[in-house]
Amino acid sequence: MVQLTEVVDEHFQEGQPGPEADDDFTDTDSEISTESDYDPANETLAERLYALRDIIPPQTRSSIASKFNATTSAVSSVLSFGGKALWVISTTALILGVPWALSWSEEQQVMEMEKEMKMREMGGEILTAGGNGGSSTAQQVGAALGQEAKPSL
């Protein structure tokens, strides 16, 4: 049987020239380290969503982006049209509605004034005419107004 023995080379037992042993020294060029400045509490939602771009395939991302842009465009168009329609309706209501309301209130005032003048005339006739065949004052006023007057009691 063969017996193996280890032969130590004197060259490897000598110290190597260069910096002394450093505990923090690593010979890798990677950015992976045990100590990190990463703090998830300081990360914003936008940063988290931006980090997901590598997880979602490009076709899916473009599909999502196109749907989002289409929805944004549709909402913008609806709001723009709604604002323009509201402007047309409100200005039309002001231009047509205010003069109509003013003329209607003036007409109501004129009708009330005519009614009051008619009542004054009837009051003068009732006072000067005296008793007219035994009819009550309420009946005379009602007849003058063209409606049947009922006594309050």
Protein backbone atom coordinates (compact mmCIF):
# COMPACT_ATOMS: atom_id res chain seq x y z
CA MET A 1 0.00 0.00 0.00
CA VAL A 2 1.02 3.57 -0.68
CA GLN A 3 1.62 5.92 2.13
CA LEU A 4 1.33 9.69 1.57
CA THR A 5 3.34 12.21 3.47
CA GLU A 6 2.95 15.97 3.37
CA VAL A 7 5.95 17.96 2.31
CA VAL A 8 5.87 21.59 3.45
CA ASP A 9 7.34 24.14 1.09
CA GLU A 10 9.47 26.74 2.83
CA HIS A 11 8.31 29.42 0.42
CA PHE A 12 4.70 29.31 1.76
CA GLN A 13 5.74 29.50 5.38
CA GLU A 14 7.37 32.91 4.97
CA GLY A 15 5.20 36.05 5.41
CA GLN A 16 4.00 37.81 2.32
CA PRO A 17 5.00 41.40 1.69
CA GLY A 18 2.12 43.89 1.77
CA PRO A 19 -0.38 45.31 4.26
CA GLU A 20 -0.80 43.62 7.56
CA ALA A 21 -3.89 41.55 8.23
CA ASP A 22 -7.03 43.74 8.16
CA ASP A 23 -10.27 42.38 9.59
CA ASP A 24 -12.52 44.61 7.44
CA PHE A 25 -10.74 43.79 4.19
CA THR A 26 -12.61 41.70 1.64
CA ASP A 27 -11.26 40.80 -1.73
CA THR A 28 -14.62 41.01 -3.53
CA ASP A 29 -15.75 43.96 -5.58
CA SER A 30 -19.45 43.34 -4.90
CA GLU A 31 -21.66 45.85 -3.15
CA ILE A 32 -23.05 43.26 -0.78
CA SER A 33 -22.17 43.98 2.79
CA THR A 34 -23.42 42.99 6.17
CA GLU A 35 -23.82 46.59 7.29
CA SER A 36 -26.31 48.51 5.17
CA ASP A 37 -27.57 52.08 5.17
CA TYR A 38 -30.97 50.81 4.02
CA ASP A 39 -33.82 51.90 6.29
CA PRO A 40 -37.29 50.75 5.16
CA ALA A 41 -38.97 53.33 7.38
CA ASN A 42 -37.51 56.15 5.26
CA GLU A 43 -38.58 54.59 1.96
CA THR A 44 -41.49 56.26 0.18
CA LEU A 45 -44.29 54.54 -1.69
CA ALA A 46 -42.97 55.88 -5.00
CA GLU A 47 -39.56 54.34 -4.31
CA ARG A 48 -41.17 51.01 -3.48
CA LEU A 49 -43.24 51.05 -6.67
CA TYR A 50 -40.18 52.03 -8.69
CA ALA A 51 -38.32 49.06 -7.24
CA LEU A 52 -41.05 46.74 -8.54
CA ARG A 53 -40.25 47.61 -12.17
CA ASP A 54 -37.80 44.72 -12.40
CA ILE A 55 -40.32 42.21 -11.06
CA ILE A 56 -43.13 43.03 -13.53
CA PRO A 57 -42.40 42.00 -17.14
CA PRO A 58 -42.06 44.82 -19.71
CA GLN A 59 -45.17 43.76 -21.67
CA THR A 60 -47.29 43.85 -18.54
CA ARG A 61 -45.82 47.22 -17.54
CA SER A 62 -46.60 48.71 -20.96
CA SER A 63 -50.14 47.31 -20.80
CA ILE A 64 -50.69 48.81 -17.34
CA ALA A 65 -49.20 52.13 -18.46
CA SER A 66 -51.41 52.32 -21.54
CA LYS A 67 -54.55 51.53 -19.53
CA PHE A 68 -53.59 54.12 -16.92
CA ASN A 69 -52.98 56.76 -19.60
CA ALA A 70 -56.29 55.94 -21.32
CA THR A 71 -58.17 56.20 -18.02
CA THR A 72 -56.47 59.47 -17.16
CA SER A 73 -57.32 60.88 -20.58
CA ALA A 74 -60.96 59.79 -20.30
CA VAL A 75 -61.36 61.30 -16.83
CA SER A 76 -59.74 64.52 -17.99
CA SER A 77 -62.06 64.72 -21.01
CA VAL A 78 -65.17 64.08 -18.91
CA LEU A 79 -64.18 66.71 -16.35
CA SER A 80 -63.39 69.22 -19.07
CA PHE A 81 -66.71 68.63 -20.82
CA GLY A 82 -68.57 68.76 -17.51
CA GLY A 83 -66.96 72.07 -16.61
CA LYS A 84 -67.82 73.59 -19.98
CA ALA A 85 -71.41 72.32 -19.78
CA LEU A 86 -71.77 73.69 -16.25
CA TRP A 87 -70.47 77.06 -17.44
CA VAL A 88 -72.99 77.17 -20.33
CA ILE A 89 -75.90 76.17 -18.08
CA SER A 90 -75.03 78.63 -15.31
CA THR A 91 -74.49 81.60 -17.63
CA THR A 92 -77.70 80.80 -19.52
CA ALA A 93 -79.61 80.62 -16.24
CA LEU A 94 -78.19 83.97 -15.18
CA ILE A 95 -78.79 85.68 -18.51
CA LEU A 96 -82.33 84.37 -18.95
CA GLY A 97 -83.43 83.59 -15.40
CA VAL A 98 -82.62 86.82 -13.58
CA PRO A 99 -84.55 89.13 -15.93
CA TRP A 100 -87.49 86.70 -15.95
CA ALA A 101 -87.54 86.54 -12.14
CA LEU A 102 -87.40 90.33 -11.90
CA SER A 103 -90.25 90.81 -14.39
CA TRP A 104 -92.34 88.13 -12.66
CA SER A 105 -91.89 89.82 -9.27
CA GLU A 106 -92.79 93.19 -10.80
CA GLU A 107 -95.93 91.66 -12.33
CA GLN A 108 -96.89 90.21 -8.93
CA GLN A 109 -96.43 93.63 -7.35
CA VAL A 110 -98.57 95.28 -10.04
CA MET A 111 -101.31 92.68 -9.52
CA GLU A 112 -101.23 93.28 -5.75
CA MET A 113 -101.42 97.04 -6.28
CA GLU A 114 -104.40 96.65 -8.63
CA LYS A 115 -106.12 94.41 -6.10
CA GLU A 116 -105.47 96.95 -3.34
CA MET A 117 -106.85 99.79 -5.46
CA LYS A 118 -109.94 97.74 -6.25
CA MET A 119 -110.43 97.10 -2.53
CA ARG A 120 -110.12 100.82 -1.81
CA GLU A 121 -112.71 101.64 -4.45
CA MET A 122 -115.06 99.02 -3.05
CA GLY A 123 -114.53 100.32 0.46
CA GLY A 124 -115.48 103.81 -0.66
CA GLU A 125 -118.58 102.51 -2.49
CA ILE A 126 -119.68 100.44 0.50
CA LEU A 127 -119.31 103.36 2.89
CA THR A 128 -121.15 105.82 0.60
CA ALA A 129 -123.84 103.39 -0.56
CA GLY A 130 -124.94 102.47 2.95
CA GLY A 131 -127.12 99.39 3.43
CA ASN A 132 -127.80 97.88 0.03
CA GLY A 133 -130.84 95.65 0.37
CA GLY A 134 -129.80 94.06 3.66
CA SER A 135 -126.67 92.32 2.37
CA SER A 136 -123.60 92.16 4.59
CA THR A 137 -120.38 94.03 3.89
CA ALA A 138 -118.50 90.75 3.30
CA GLN A 139 -121.00 89.76 0.62
CA GLN A 140 -120.68 93.14 -1.07
CA VAL A 141 -116.87 92.92 -1.08
CA GLY A 142 -117.02 89.35 -2.40
CA ALA A 143 -119.41 90.36 -5.15
CA ALA A 144 -117.13 93.22 -6.13
CA LEU A 145 -114.14 90.90 -6.25
CA GLY A 146 -116.02 88.32 -8.24
CA GLN A 147 -115.92 85.59 -5.64
CA GLU A 148 -118.13 84.44 -2.86
CA ALA A 149 -117.01 85.88 0.46
CA LYS A 150 -117.64 83.94 3.63
CA PRO A 151 -117.88 85.55 7.03
CA SER A 152 -114.99 84.72 9.33
CA LEU A 153 -117.30 83.45 12.08
